[in-house]
Amino acid sequence: MTELQKRLGKRGEDFVEQYLKKNGYKIRDRNYSCRFGEIDIVAEKDREVIFIEVKTRKTFIFGEPEEAIDRRKQRKIIHTAEKYIQENKLYEHLVRIDAIFVVFDHKGKMTIKHLENAIED
């Protein structure tokens, strides 16, 4: 991943964090990683823990952002979320996995597409 891609990804994650806070989510963690993979944002709302995969794009040359979360990536997210639940003893919480897509237009304006329950085990 190039430095430009890293900056774009961080900018998208920062934007999503603000979006989540405005919508009543509490941010528990950012960029949680373990041997299975990484979760971009772990949030909580109404005693539900939400694991969020953020995909940020400037163009659609490489396809829609949704296409970047293939079956292999989904399995990694699920295993990583399971590890997080175990480490933090969140057994009593409801859990879901969301995907949030951020797209920058040619003027730098950002739009968000939030898919709740985007990945189901």
PDB file of N, CA and C in Angstrom:
ATOM      1  N   MET A   1       0.846  -1.178   0.000  1.00  0.00           N
ATOM      2  CA  MET A   1       0.000   0.000   0.000  1.00  0.00           C
ATOM      3  C   MET A   1       0.889   1.238   0.000  1.00  0.00           C
ATOM      4  N   THR A   2       0.590   2.165  -0.884  1.00  0.00           N
ATOM      5  CA  THR A   2       1.390   3.381  -0.982  1.00  0.00           C
ATOM      6  C   THR A   2       1.045   4.345   0.159  1.00  0.00           C
ATOM      7  N   GLU A   3       1.890   5.309   0.361  1.00  0.00           N
ATOM      8  CA  GLU A   3       1.658   6.322   1.394  1.00  0.00           C
ATOM      9  C   GLU A   3       0.386   7.110   1.088  1.00  0.00           C
ATOM     10  N   LEU A   4       0.138   7.392  -0.175  1.00  0.00           N
ATOM     11  CA  LEU A   4      -1.074   8.103  -0.580  1.00  0.00           C
ATOM     12  C   LEU A   4      -2.327   7.298  -0.222  1.00  0.00           C
ATOM     13  N   GLN A   5      -2.286   5.989  -0.458  1.00  0.00           N
ATOM     14  CA  GLN A   5      -3.419   5.129  -0.121  1.00  0.00           C
ATOM     15  C   GLN A   5      -3.647   5.084   1.384  1.00  0.00           C
ATOM     16  N   LYS A   6      -2.560   5.037   2.156  1.00  0.00           N
ATOM     17  CA  LYS A   6      -2.678   5.038   3.622  1.00  0.00           C
ATOM     18  C   LYS A   6      -3.324   6.326   4.117  1.00  0.00           C
ATOM     19  N   ARG A   7      -2.892   7.455   3.567  1.00  0.00           N
ATOM     20  CA  ARG A   7      -3.469   8.750   3.978  1.00  0.00           C
ATOM     21  C   ARG A   7      -4.941   8.832   3.610  1.00  0.00           C
ATOM     22  N   LEU A   8      -5.284   8.354   2.419  1.00  0.00           N
ATOM     23  CA  LEU A   8      -6.677   8.353   1.982  1.00  0.00           C
ATOM     24  C   LEU A   8      -7.522   7.475   2.905  1.00  0.00           C
ATOM     25  N   GLY A   9      -7.006   6.294   3.234  1.00  0.00           N
ATOM     26  CA  GLY A   9      -7.717   5.389   4.127  1.00  0.00           C
ATOM     27  C   GLY A   9      -7.921   5.980   5.501  1.00  0.00           C
ATOM     28  N   LYS A  10      -6.895   6.621   6.047  1.00  0.00           N
ATOM     29  CA  LYS A  10      -7.010   7.252   7.364  1.00  0.00           C
ATOM     30  C   LYS A  10      -8.009   8.394   7.328  1.00  0.00           C
ATOM     31  N   ARG A  11      -7.971   9.161   6.265  1.00  0.00           N
ATOM     32  CA  ARG A  11      -8.919  10.270   6.120  1.00  0.00           C
ATOM     33  C   ARG A  11     -10.359   9.738   6.071  1.00  0.00           C
ATOM     34  N   GLY A  12     -10.561   8.645   5.349  1.00  0.00           N
ATOM     35  CA  GLY A  12     -11.882   8.027   5.294  1.00  0.00           C
ATOM     36  C   GLY A  12     -12.314   7.515   6.657  1.00  0.00           C
ATOM     37  N   GLU A  13     -11.413   6.861   7.390  1.00  0.00           N
ATOM     38  CA  GLU A  13     -11.731   6.357   8.724  1.00  0.00           C
ATOM     39  C   GLU A  13     -12.053   7.497   9.685  1.00  0.00           C
ATOM     40  N   ASP A  14     -11.301   8.594   9.600  1.00  0.00           N
ATOM     41  CA  ASP A  14     -11.581   9.764  10.451  1.00  0.00           C
ATOM     42  C   ASP A  14     -12.983  10.312  10.157  1.00  0.00           C
ATOM     43  N   PHE A  15     -13.322  10.393   8.889  1.00  0.00           N
ATOM     44  CA  PHE A  15     -14.636  10.886   8.470  1.00  0.00           C
ATOM     45  C   PHE A  15     -15.733   9.961   8.992  1.00  0.00           C
ATOM     46  N   VAL A  16     -15.522   8.655   8.892  1.00  0.00           N
ATOM     47  CA  VAL A  16     -16.503   7.679   9.375  1.00  0.00           C
ATOM     48  C   VAL A  16     -16.642   7.770  10.892  1.00  0.00           C
ATOM     49  N   GLU A  17     -15.538   7.956  11.597  1.00  0.00           N
ATOM     50  CA  GLU A  17     -15.616   8.087  13.055  1.00  0.00           C
ATOM     51  C   GLU A  17     -16.513   9.268  13.441  1.00  0.00           C
ATOM     52  N   GLN A  18     -16.338  10.396  12.776  1.00  0.00           N
ATOM     53  CA  GLN A  18     -17.185  11.563  13.073  1.00  0.00           C
ATOM     54  C   GLN A  18     -18.649  11.284  12.728  1.00  0.00           C
ATOM     55  N   TYR A  19     -18.883  10.629  11.613  1.00  0.00           N
ATOM     56  CA  TYR A  19     -20.240  10.243  11.201  1.00  0.00           C
ATOM     57  C   TYR A  19     -20.890   9.356  12.263  1.00  0.00           C
ATOM     58  N   LEU A  20     -20.141   8.375  12.751  1.00  0.00           N
ATOM     59  CA  LEU A  20     -20.678   7.460  13.764  1.00  0.00           C
ATOM     60  C   LEU A  20     -21.011   8.202  15.057  1.00  0.00           C
ATOM     61  N   LYS A  21     -20.105   9.050  15.512  1.00  0.00           N
ATOM     62  CA  LYS A  21     -20.343   9.813  16.738  1.00  0.00           C
ATOM     63  C   LYS A  21     -21.591  10.682  16.613  1.00  0.00           C
ATOM     64  N   LYS A  22     -21.763  11.332  15.463  1.00  0.00           N
ATOM     65  CA  LYS A  22     -22.950  12.169  15.239  1.00  0.00           C
ATOM     66  C   LYS A  22     -24.235  11.359  15.273  1.00  0.00           C
ATOM     67  N   ASN A  23     -24.110  10.058  14.990  1.00  0.00           N
ATOM     68  CA  ASN A  23     -25.283   9.183  14.951  1.00  0.00           C
ATOM     69  C   ASN A  23     -25.417   8.320  16.202  1.00  0.00           C
ATOM     70  N   GLY A  24     -24.775   8.731  17.289  1.00  0.00           N
ATOM     71  CA  GLY A  24     -24.975   8.093  18.579  1.00  0.00           C
ATOM     72  C   GLY A  24     -24.130   6.875  18.881  1.00  0.00           C
ATOM     73  N   TYR A  25     -23.106   6.615  18.094  1.00  0.00           N
ATOM     74  CA  TYR A  25     -22.220   5.483  18.357  1.00  0.00           C
ATOM     75  C   TYR A  25     -21.085   5.927  19.280  1.00  0.00           C
ATOM     76  N   LYS A  26     -20.648   5.029  20.128  1.00  0.00           N
ATOM     77  CA  LYS A  26     -19.465   5.252  20.955  1.00  0.00           C
ATOM     78  C   LYS A  26     -18.332   4.451  20.312  1.00  0.00           C
ATOM     79  N   ILE A  27     -17.201   5.078  20.090  1.00  0.00           N
ATOM     80  CA  ILE A  27     -16.058   4.399  19.489  1.00  0.00           C
ATOM     81  C   ILE A  27     -15.304   3.670  20.596  1.00  0.00           C
ATOM     82  N   ARG A  28     -15.186   2.362  20.459  1.00  0.00           N
ATOM     83  CA  ARG A  28     -14.461   1.529  21.425  1.00  0.00           C
ATOM     84  C   ARG A  28     -13.002   1.376  21.031  1.00  0.00           C
ATOM     85  N   ASP A  29     -12.752   1.271  19.732  1.00  0.00           N
ATOM     86  CA  ASP A  29     -11.401   0.977  19.252  1.00  0.00           C
ATOM     87  C   ASP A  29     -11.258   1.373  17.794  1.00  0.00           C
ATOM     88  N   ARG A  30     -10.017   1.661  17.409  1.00  0.00           N
ATOM     89  CA  ARG A  30      -9.687   1.892  15.993  1.00  0.00           C
ATOM     90  C   ARG A  30      -8.498   1.028  15.644  1.00  0.00           C
ATOM     91  N   ASN A  31      -8.551   0.459  14.469  1.00  0.00           N
ATOM     92  CA  ASN A  31      -7.458  -0.349  13.929  1.00  0.00           C
ATOM     93  C   ASN A  31      -7.025  -1.460  14.890  1.00  0.00           C
ATOM     94  N   TYR A  32      -8.017  -2.152  15.424  1.00  0.00           N
ATOM     95  CA  TYR A  32      -7.728  -3.313  16.271  1.00  0.00           C
ATOM     96  C   TYR A  32      -7.154  -4.412  15.379  1.00  0.00           C
ATOM     97  N   SER A  33      -6.046  -5.001  15.820  1.00  0.00           N
ATOM     98  CA  SER A  33      -5.473  -6.088  15.027  1.00  0.00           C
ATOM     99  C   SER A  33      -5.052  -7.234  15.926  1.00  0.00           C
ATOM    100  N   CYS A  34      -5.088  -8.402  15.344  1.00  0.00           N
ATOM    101  CA  CYS A  34      -4.627  -9.620  15.988  1.00  0.00           C
ATOM    102  C   CYS A  34      -4.091 -10.525  14.888  1.00  0.00           C
ATOM    103  N   ARG A  35      -3.796 -11.750  15.210  1.00  0.00           N
ATOM    104  CA  ARG A  35      -3.196 -12.640  14.210  1.00  0.00           C
ATOM    105  C   ARG A  35      -4.134 -12.956  13.052  1.00  0.00           C
ATOM    106  N   PHE A  36      -5.447 -12.742  13.239  1.00  0.00           N
ATOM    107  CA  PHE A  36      -6.410 -13.048  12.184  1.00  0.00           C
ATOM    108  C   PHE A  36      -6.580 -11.917  11.179  1.00  0.00           C
ATOM    109  N   GLY A  37      -6.363 -10.678  11.630  1.00  0.00           N
ATOM    110  CA  GLY A  37      -6.546  -9.542  10.733  1.00  0.00           C
ATOM    111  C   GLY A  37      -6.742  -8.254  11.499  1.00  0.00           C
ATOM    112  N   GLU A  38      -7.411  -7.310  10.857  1.00  0.00           N
ATOM    113  CA  GLU A  38      -7.628  -5.985  11.449  1.00  0.00           C
ATOM    114  C   GLU A  38      -9.076  -5.564  11.246  1.00  0.00           C
ATOM    115  N   ILE A  39      -9.588  -4.871  12.256  1.00  0.00           N
ATOM    116  CA  ILE A  39     -10.915  -4.244  12.181  1.00  0.00           C
ATOM    117  C   ILE A  39     -10.668  -2.744  12.221  1.00  0.00           C
ATOM    118  N   ASP A  40     -11.224  -2.022  11.258  1.00  0.00           N
ATOM    119  CA  ASP A  40     -10.968  -0.578  11.183  1.00  0.00           C
ATOM    120  C   ASP A  40     -11.538   0.174  12.385  1.00  0.00           C
ATOM    121  N   ILE A  41     -12.804  -0.078  12.697  1.00  0.00           N
ATOM    122  CA  ILE A  41     -13.446   0.617  13.813  1.00  0.00           C
ATOM    123  C   ILE A  41     -14.324  -0.380  14.567  1.00  0.00           C
ATOM    124  N   VAL A  42     -14.224  -0.329  15.894  1.00  0.00           N
ATOM    125  CA  VAL A  42     -15.140  -1.077  16.750  1.00  0.00           C
ATOM    126  C   VAL A  42     -15.946  -0.033  17.496  1.00  0.00           C
ATOM    127  N   ALA A  43     -17.261  -0.105  17.352  1.00  0.00           N
ATOM    128  CA  ALA A  43     -18.142   0.881  17.966  1.00  0.00           C
ATOM    129  C   ALA A  43     -19.190   0.166  18.804  1.00  0.00           C
ATOM    130  N   GLU A  44     -19.932   0.959  19.573  1.00  0.00           N
ATOM    131  CA  GLU A  44     -21.000   0.404  20.387  1.00  0.00           C
ATOM    132  C   GLU A  44     -22.189   1.360  20.355  1.00  0.00           C
ATOM    133  N   LYS A  45     -23.373   0.766  20.292  1.00  0.00           N
ATOM    134  CA  LYS A  45     -24.598   1.554  20.348  1.00  0.00           C
ATOM    135  C   LYS A  45     -25.700   0.649  20.872  1.00  0.00           C
ATOM    136  N   ASP A  46     -26.397   1.112  21.891  1.00  0.00           N
ATOM    137  CA  ASP A  46     -27.511   0.356  22.467  1.00  0.00           C
ATOM    138  C   ASP A  46     -27.115  -1.063  22.846  1.00  0.00           C
ATOM    139  N   ARG A  47     -26.003  -1.208  23.557  1.00  0.00           N
ATOM    140  CA  ARG A  47     -25.480  -2.520  24.010  1.00  0.00           C
ATOM    141  C   ARG A  47     -25.202  -3.488  22.867  1.00  0.00           C
ATOM    142  N   GLU A  48     -25.005  -2.960  21.678  1.00  0.00           N
ATOM    143  CA  GLU A  48     -24.627  -3.763  20.531  1.00  0.00           C
ATOM    144  C   GLU A  48     -23.216  -3.350  20.117  1.00  0.00           C
ATOM    145  N   VAL A  49     -22.359  -4.326  19.932  1.00  0.00           N
ATOM    146  CA  VAL A  49     -20.998  -4.051  19.473  1.00  0.00           C
ATOM    147  C   VAL A  49     -20.995  -4.190  17.963  1.00  0.00           C
ATOM    148  N   ILE A  50     -20.472  -3.170  17.289  1.00  0.00           N
ATOM    149  CA  ILE A  50     -20.475  -3.146  15.832  1.00  0.00           C
ATOM    150  C   ILE A  50     -19.029  -3.088  15.343  1.00  0.00           C
ATOM    151  N   PHE A  51     -18.674  -4.076  14.526  1.00  0.00           N
ATOM    152  CA  PHE A  51     -17.359  -4.125  13.904  1.00  0.00           C
ATOM    153  C   PHE A  51     -17.523  -3.545  12.508  1.00  0.00           C
ATOM    154  N   ILE A  52     -16.702  -2.544  12.194  1.00  0.00           N
ATOM    155  CA  ILE A  52     -16.908  -1.787  10.962  1.00  0.00           C
ATOM    156  C   ILE A  52     -15.683  -1.851  10.061  1.00  0.00           C
ATOM    157  N   GLU A  53     -15.929  -2.300   8.847  1.00  0.00           N
ATOM    158  CA  GLU A  53     -14.910  -2.282   7.791  1.00  0.00           C
ATOM    159  C   GLU A  53     -15.146  -1.025   6.966  1.00  0.00           C
ATOM    160  N   VAL A  54     -14.115  -0.195   6.852  1.00  0.00           N
ATOM    161  CA  VAL A  54     -14.218   1.061   6.105  1.00  0.00           C
ATOM    162  C   VAL A  54     -13.445   0.909   4.796  1.00  0.00           C
ATOM    163  N   LYS A  55     -14.089   1.256   3.698  1.00  0.00           N
ATOM    164  CA  LYS A  55     -13.433   1.264   2.394  1.00  0.00           C
ATOM    165  C   LYS A  55     -13.573   2.662   1.812  1.00  0.00           C
ATOM    166  N   THR A  56     -12.460   3.243   1.426  1.00  0.00           N
ATOM    167  CA  THR A  56     -12.443   4.604   0.903  1.00  0.00           C
ATOM    168  C   THR A  56     -11.926   4.581  -0.528  1.00  0.00           C
ATOM    169  N   ARG A  57     -12.607   5.322  -1.391  1.00  0.00           N
ATOM    170  CA  ARG A  57     -12.232   5.371  -2.807  1.00  0.00           C
ATOM    171  C   ARG A  57     -12.286   6.808  -3.328  1.00  0.00           C
ATOM    172  N   LYS A  58     -11.415   7.090  -4.286  1.00  0.00           N
ATOM    173  CA  LYS A  58     -11.468   8.359  -5.012  1.00  0.00           C
ATOM    174  C   LYS A  58     -12.076   8.158  -6.390  1.00  0.00           C
ATOM    175  N   THR A  59     -11.900   6.962  -6.929  1.00  0.00           N
ATOM    176  CA  THR A  59     -12.444   6.668  -8.253  1.00  0.00           C
ATOM    177  C   THR A  59     -13.030   5.258  -8.232  1.00  0.00           C
ATOM    178  N   PHE A  60     -13.730   4.930  -9.280  1.00  0.00           N
ATOM    179  CA  PHE A  60     -14.288   3.590  -9.413  1.00  0.00           C
ATOM    180  C   PHE A  60     -13.515   2.752 -10.434  1.00  0.00           C
ATOM    181  N   ILE A  61     -12.281   3.149 -10.726  1.00  0.00           N
ATOM    182  CA  ILE A  61     -11.452   2.426 -11.691  1.00  0.00           C
ATOM    183  C   ILE A  61     -11.317   0.958 -11.294  1.00  0.00           C
ATOM    184  N   PHE A  62     -11.174   0.724  -9.995  1.00  0.00           N
ATOM    185  CA  PHE A  62     -10.993  -0.648  -9.517  1.00  0.00           C
ATOM    186  C   PHE A  62     -12.308  -1.246  -9.019  1.00  0.00           C
ATOM    187  N   GLY A  63     -13.426  -0.669  -9.434  1.00  0.00           N
ATOM    188  CA  GLY A  63     -14.726  -1.203  -9.060  1.00  0.00           C
ATOM    189  C   GLY A  63     -15.350  -0.454  -7.895  1.00  0.00           C
ATOM    190  N   GLU A  64     -16.551  -0.855  -7.569  1.00  0.00           N
ATOM    191  CA  GLU A  64     -17.278  -0.274  -6.440  1.00  0.00           C
ATOM    192  C   GLU A  64     -16.574  -0.670  -5.140  1.00  0.00           C
ATOM    193  N   PRO A  65     -16.648   0.158  -4.107  1.00  0.00           N
ATOM    194  CA  PRO A  65     -15.992  -0.186  -2.845  1.00  0.00           C
ATOM    195  C   PRO A  65     -16.477  -1.521  -2.269  1.00  0.00           C
ATOM    196  N   GLU A  66     -17.761  -1.826  -2.479  1.00  0.00           N
ATOM    197  CA  GLU A  66     -18.342  -3.069  -1.962  1.00  0.00           C
ATOM    198  C   GLU A  66     -17.608  -4.311  -2.490  1.00  0.00           C
ATOM    199  N   GLU A  67     -17.087  -4.206  -3.671  1.00  0.00           N
ATOM    200  CA  GLU A  67     -16.421  -5.340  -4.297  1.00  0.00           C
ATOM    201  C   GLU A  67     -15.093  -5.683  -3.620  1.00  0.00           C
ATOM    202  N   ALA A  68     -14.581  -4.785  -2.791  1.00  0.00           N
ATOM    203  CA  ALA A  68     -13.298  -5.004  -2.126  1.00  0.00           C
ATOM    204  C   ALA A  68     -13.418  -5.935  -0.919  1.00  0.00           C
ATOM    205  N   ILE A  69     -14.636  -6.245  -0.512  1.00  0.00           N
ATOM    206  CA  ILE A  69     -14.831  -7.129   0.640  1.00  0.00           C
ATOM    207  C   ILE A  69     -15.276  -8.495   0.120  1.00  0.00           C
ATOM    208  N   ASP A  70     -14.287  -9.258  -0.323  1.00  0.00           N
ATOM    209  CA  ASP A  70     -14.574 -10.581  -0.865  1.00  0.00           C
ATOM    210  C   ASP A  70     -14.774 -11.590   0.272  1.00  0.00           C
ATOM    211  N   ARG A  71     -15.064 -12.827  -0.087  1.00  0.00           N
ATOM    212  CA  ARG A  71     -15.351 -13.867   0.911  1.00  0.00           C
ATOM    213  C   ARG A  71     -14.165 -14.085   1.856  1.00  0.00           C
ATOM    214  N   ARG A  72     -12.951 -14.043   1.325  1.00  0.00           N
ATOM    215  CA  ARG A  72     -11.752 -14.216   2.153  1.00  0.00           C
ATOM    216  C   ARG A  72     -11.645 -13.103   3.192  1.00  0.00           C
ATOM    217  N   LYS A  73     -11.867 -11.864   2.762  1.00  0.00           N
ATOM    218  CA  LYS A  73     -11.821 -10.714   3.673  1.00  0.00           C
ATOM    219  C   LYS A  73     -12.930 -10.828   4.718  1.00  0.00           C
ATOM    220  N   GLN A  74     -14.104 -11.280   4.320  1.00  0.00           N
ATOM    221  CA  GLN A  74     -15.209 -11.454   5.257  1.00  0.00           C
ATOM    222  C   GLN A  74     -14.840 -12.446   6.363  1.00  0.00           C
ATOM    223  N   ARG A  75     -14.236 -13.561   5.992  1.00  0.00           N
ATOM    224  CA  ARG A  75     -13.831 -14.565   6.989  1.00  0.00           C
ATOM    225  C   ARG A  75     -12.807 -13.985   7.964  1.00  0.00           C
ATOM    226  N   LYS A  76     -11.864 -13.196   7.451  1.00  0.00           N
ATOM    227  CA  LYS A  76     -10.862 -12.563   8.316  1.00  0.00           C
ATOM    228  C   LYS A  76     -11.530 -11.616   9.307  1.00  0.00           C
ATOM    229  N   ILE A  77     -12.494 -10.846   8.843  1.00  0.00           N
ATOM    230  CA  ILE A  77     -13.201  -9.915   9.721  1.00  0.00           C
ATOM    231  C   ILE A  77     -13.948 -10.688  10.808  1.00  0.00           C
ATOM    232  N   ILE A  78     -14.620 -11.756  10.430  1.00  0.00           N
ATOM    233  CA  ILE A  78     -15.376 -12.561  11.399  1.00  0.00           C
ATOM    234  C   ILE A  78     -14.446 -13.133  12.464  1.00  0.00           C
ATOM    235  N   HIS A  79     -13.325 -13.716  12.061  1.00  0.00           N
ATOM    236  CA  HIS A  79     -12.387 -14.302  13.031  1.00  0.00           C
ATOM    237  C   HIS A  79     -11.784 -13.223  13.940  1.00  0.00           C
ATOM    238  N   THR A  80     -11.481 -12.073  13.368  1.00  0.00           N
ATOM    239  CA  THR A  80     -10.918 -10.977  14.153  1.00  0.00           C
ATOM    240  C   THR A  80     -11.944 -10.457  15.154  1.00  0.00           C
ATOM    241  N   ALA A  81     -13.194 -10.334  14.734  1.00  0.00           N
ATOM    242  CA  ALA A  81     -14.266  -9.898  15.637  1.00  0.00           C
ATOM    243  C   ALA A  81     -14.452 -10.904  16.776  1.00  0.00           C
ATOM    244  N   GLU A  82     -14.407 -12.176  16.454  1.00  0.00           N
ATOM    245  CA  GLU A  82     -14.536 -13.208  17.492  1.00  0.00           C
ATOM    246  C   GLU A  82     -13.422 -13.079  18.532  1.00  0.00           C
ATOM    247  N   LYS A  83     -12.204 -12.815  18.078  1.00  0.00           N
ATOM    248  CA  LYS A  83     -11.067 -12.639  18.983  1.00  0.00           C
ATOM    249  C   LYS A  83     -11.273 -11.407  19.859  1.00  0.00           C
ATOM    250  N   TYR A  84     -11.766 -10.332  19.291  1.00  0.00           N
ATOM    251  CA  TYR A  84     -12.017  -9.105  20.052  1.00  0.00           C
ATOM    252  C   TYR A  84     -13.054  -9.358  21.145  1.00  0.00           C
ATOM    253  N   ILE A  85     -14.118 -10.058  20.792  1.00  0.00           N
ATOM    254  CA  ILE A  85     -15.167 -10.385  21.758  1.00  0.00           C
ATOM    255  C   ILE A  85     -14.588 -11.204  22.902  1.00  0.00           C
ATOM    256  N   GLN A  86     -13.769 -12.175  22.567  1.00  0.00           N
ATOM    257  CA  GLN A  86     -13.143 -13.022  23.573  1.00  0.00           C
ATOM    258  C   GLN A  86     -12.222 -12.215  24.485  1.00  0.00           C
ATOM    259  N   GLU A  87     -11.344 -11.406  23.899  1.00  0.00           N
ATOM    260  CA  GLU A  87     -10.392 -10.615  24.682  1.00  0.00           C
ATOM    261  C   GLU A  87     -11.085  -9.628  25.609  1.00  0.00           C
ATOM    262  N   ASN A  88     -12.217  -9.076  25.165  1.00  0.00           N
ATOM    263  CA  ASN A  88     -12.911  -8.050  25.934  1.00  0.00           C
ATOM    264  C   ASN A  88     -14.122  -8.572  26.694  1.00  0.00           C
ATOM    265  N   LYS A  89     -14.303  -9.893  26.672  1.00  0.00           N
ATOM    266  CA  LYS A  89     -15.381 -10.551  27.404  1.00  0.00           C
ATOM    267  C   LYS A  89     -16.742  -9.902  27.134  1.00  0.00           C
ATOM    268  N   LEU A  90     -17.068  -9.773  25.862  1.00  0.00           N
ATOM    269  CA  LEU A  90     -18.309  -9.116  25.441  1.00  0.00           C
ATOM    270  C   LEU A  90     -19.384 -10.146  25.083  1.00  0.00           C
ATOM    271  N   TYR A  91     -19.410 -11.237  25.798  1.00  0.00           N
ATOM    272  CA  TYR A  91     -20.304 -12.348  25.475  1.00  0.00           C
ATOM    273  C   TYR A  91     -21.789 -11.989  25.590  1.00  0.00           C
ATOM    274  N   GLU A  92     -22.116 -11.029  26.433  1.00  0.00           N
ATOM    275  CA  GLU A  92     -23.520 -10.669  26.661  1.00  0.00           C
ATOM    276  C   GLU A  92     -24.042  -9.647  25.655  1.00  0.00           C
ATOM    277  N   HIS A  93     -23.167  -9.114  24.821  1.00  0.00           N
ATOM    278  CA  HIS A  93     -23.568  -8.092  23.862  1.00  0.00           C
ATOM    279  C   HIS A  93     -24.073  -8.705  22.559  1.00  0.00           C
ATOM    280  N   LEU A  94     -25.002  -8.006  21.944  1.00  0.00           N
ATOM    281  CA  LEU A  94     -25.358  -8.330  20.565  1.00  0.00           C
ATOM    282  C   LEU A  94     -24.200  -7.852  19.696  1.00  0.00           C
ATOM    283  N   VAL A  95     -24.014  -8.474  18.563  1.00  0.00           N
ATOM    284  CA  VAL A  95     -22.888  -8.141  17.689  1.00  0.00           C
ATOM    285  C   VAL A  95     -23.370  -8.078  16.250  1.00  0.00           C
ATOM    286  N   ARG A  96     -22.801  -7.136  15.506  1.00  0.00           N
ATOM    287  CA  ARG A  96     -23.032  -7.117  14.064  1.00  0.00           C
ATOM    288  C   ARG A  96     -21.779  -6.587  13.376  1.00  0.00           C
ATOM    289  N   ILE A  97     -21.710  -6.845  12.085  1.00  0.00           N
ATOM    290  CA  ILE A  97     -20.591  -6.362  11.289  1.00  0.00           C
ATOM    291  C   ILE A  97     -21.151  -5.496  10.173  1.00  0.00           C
ATOM    292  N   ASP A  98     -20.691  -4.253  10.136  1.00  0.00           N
ATOM    293  CA  ASP A  98     -21.129  -3.293   9.128  1.00  0.00           C
ATOM    294  C   ASP A  98     -19.979  -2.991   8.175  1.00  0.00           C
ATOM    295  N   ALA A  99     -20.342  -2.464   7.036  1.00  0.00           N
ATOM    296  CA  ALA A  99     -19.361  -1.932   6.091  1.00  0.00           C
ATOM    297  C   ALA A  99     -19.773  -0.499   5.788  1.00  0.00           C
ATOM    298  N   ILE A 100     -18.814   0.377   5.811  1.00  0.00           N
ATOM    299  CA  ILE A 100     -19.080   1.774   5.462  1.00  0.00           C
ATOM    300  C   ILE A 100     -18.134   2.162   4.346  1.00  0.00           C
ATOM    301  N   PHE A 101     -18.722   2.664   3.270  1.00  0.00           N
ATOM    302  CA  PHE A 101     -17.962   3.041   2.090  1.00  0.00           C
ATOM    303  C   PHE A 101     -17.926   4.557   1.970  1.00  0.00           C
ATOM    304  N   VAL A 102     -16.738   5.090   1.804  1.00  0.00           N
ATOM    305  CA  VAL A 102     -16.542   6.528   1.651  1.00  0.00           C
ATOM    306  C   VAL A 102     -16.013   6.766   0.245  1.00  0.00           C
ATOM    307  N   VAL A 103     -16.661   7.684  -0.457  1.00  0.00           N
ATOM    308  CA  VAL A 103     -16.223   8.019  -1.812  1.00  0.00           C
ATOM    309  C   VAL A 103     -15.981   9.518  -1.881  1.00  0.00           C
ATOM    310  N   PHE A 104     -14.792   9.896  -2.356  1.00  0.00           N
ATOM    311  CA  PHE A 104     -14.443  11.290  -2.589  1.00  0.00           C
ATOM    312  C   PHE A 104     -14.763  11.610  -4.042  1.00  0.00           C
ATOM    313  N   ASP A 105     -15.484  12.694  -4.277  1.00  0.00           N
ATOM    314  CA  ASP A 105     -15.707  13.084  -5.669  1.00  0.00           C
ATOM    315  C   ASP A 105     -14.525  13.932  -6.145  1.00  0.00           C
ATOM    316  N   HIS A 106     -14.571  14.389  -7.379  1.00  0.00           N
ATOM    317  CA  HIS A 106     -13.445  15.135  -7.955  1.00  0.00           C
ATOM    318  C   HIS A 106     -13.200  16.473  -7.263  1.00  0.00           C
ATOM    319  N   LYS A 107     -14.171  16.957  -6.474  1.00  0.00           N
ATOM    320  CA  LYS A 107     -14.003  18.215  -5.736  1.00  0.00           C
ATOM    321  C   LYS A 107     -13.590  17.967  -4.284  1.00  0.00           C
ATOM    322  N   GLY A 108     -13.409  16.690  -3.910  1.00  0.00           N
ATOM    323  CA  GLY A 108     -13.002  16.363  -2.548  1.00  0.00           C
ATOM    324  C   GLY A 108     -14.159  16.172  -1.579  1.00  0.00           C
ATOM    325  N   LYS A 109     -15.398  16.288  -2.073  1.00  0.00           N
ATOM    326  CA  LYS A 109     -16.564  16.080  -1.209  1.00  0.00           C
ATOM    327  C   LYS A 109     -16.703  14.585  -0.931  1.00  0.00           C
ATOM    328  N   MET A 110     -17.010  14.248   0.340  1.00  0.00           N
ATOM    329  CA  MET A 110     -17.129  12.850   0.723  1.00  0.00           C
ATOM    330  C   MET A 110     -18.588  12.456   0.889  1.00  0.00           C
ATOM    331  N   THR A 111     -18.903  11.262   0.420  1.00  0.00           N
ATOM    332  CA  THR A 111     -20.221  10.691   0.658  1.00  0.00           C
ATOM    333  C   THR A 111     -20.032   9.332   1.320  1.00  0.00           C
ATOM    334  N   ILE A 112     -21.034   8.959   2.106  1.00  0.00           N
ATOM    335  CA  ILE A 112     -20.971   7.711   2.858  1.00  0.00           C
ATOM    336  C   ILE A 112     -22.123   6.808   2.470  1.00  0.00           C
ATOM    337  N   LYS A 113     -21.814   5.524   2.388  1.00  0.00           N
ATOM    338  CA  LYS A 113     -22.835   4.498   2.221  1.00  0.00           C
ATOM    339  C   LYS A 113     -22.612   3.507   3.362  1.00  0.00           C
ATOM    340  N   HIS A 114     -23.599   3.399   4.263  1.00  0.00           N
ATOM    341  CA  HIS A 114     -23.472   2.564   5.452  1.00  0.00           C
ATOM    342  C   HIS A 114     -24.357   1.331   5.288  1.00  0.00           C
ATOM    343  N   LEU A 115     -23.735   0.168   5.250  1.00  0.00           N
ATOM    344  CA  LEU A 115     -24.458  -1.095   5.156  1.00  0.00           C
ATOM    345  C   LEU A 115     -24.413  -1.808   6.494  1.00  0.00           C
ATOM    346  N   GLU A 116     -25.541  -1.841   7.195  1.00  0.00           N
ATOM    347  CA  GLU A 116     -25.606  -2.572   8.463  1.00  0.00           C
ATOM    348  C   GLU A 116     -25.734  -4.060   8.156  1.00  0.00           C
ATOM    349  N   ASN A 117     -25.171  -4.878   9.048  1.00  0.00           N
ATOM    350  CA  ASN A 117     -25.183  -6.338   8.873  1.00  0.00           C
ATOM    351  C   ASN A 117     -24.677  -6.735   7.482  1.00  0.00           C
ATOM    352  N   ALA A 118     -23.596  -6.116   7.067  1.00  0.00           N
ATOM    353  CA  ALA A 118     -23.059  -6.359   5.724  1.00  0.00           C
ATOM    354  C   ALA A 118     -22.464  -7.751   5.598  1.00  0.00           C
ATOM    355  N   ILE A 119     -22.010  -8.290   6.709  1.00  0.00           N
ATOM    356  CA  ILE A 119     -21.395  -9.609   6.703  1.00  0.00           C
ATOM    357  C   ILE A 119     -22.078 -10.442   7.764  1.00  0.00           C
ATOM    358  N   GLU A 120     -22.622 -11.546   7.346  1.00  0.00           N
ATOM    359  CA  GLU A 120     -23.276 -12.440   8.295  1.00  0.00           C
ATOM    360  C   GLU A 120     -22.564 -13.770   8.277  1.00  0.00           C
ATOM    361  N   ASP A 121     -22.347 -14.297   9.458  1.00  0.00           N
ATOM    362  CA  ASP A 121     -21.633 -15.576   9.593  1.00  0.00           C
ATOM    363  C   ASP A 121     -22.545 -16.726   9.210  1.00  0.00           C
TER     364      ASP A 121
END
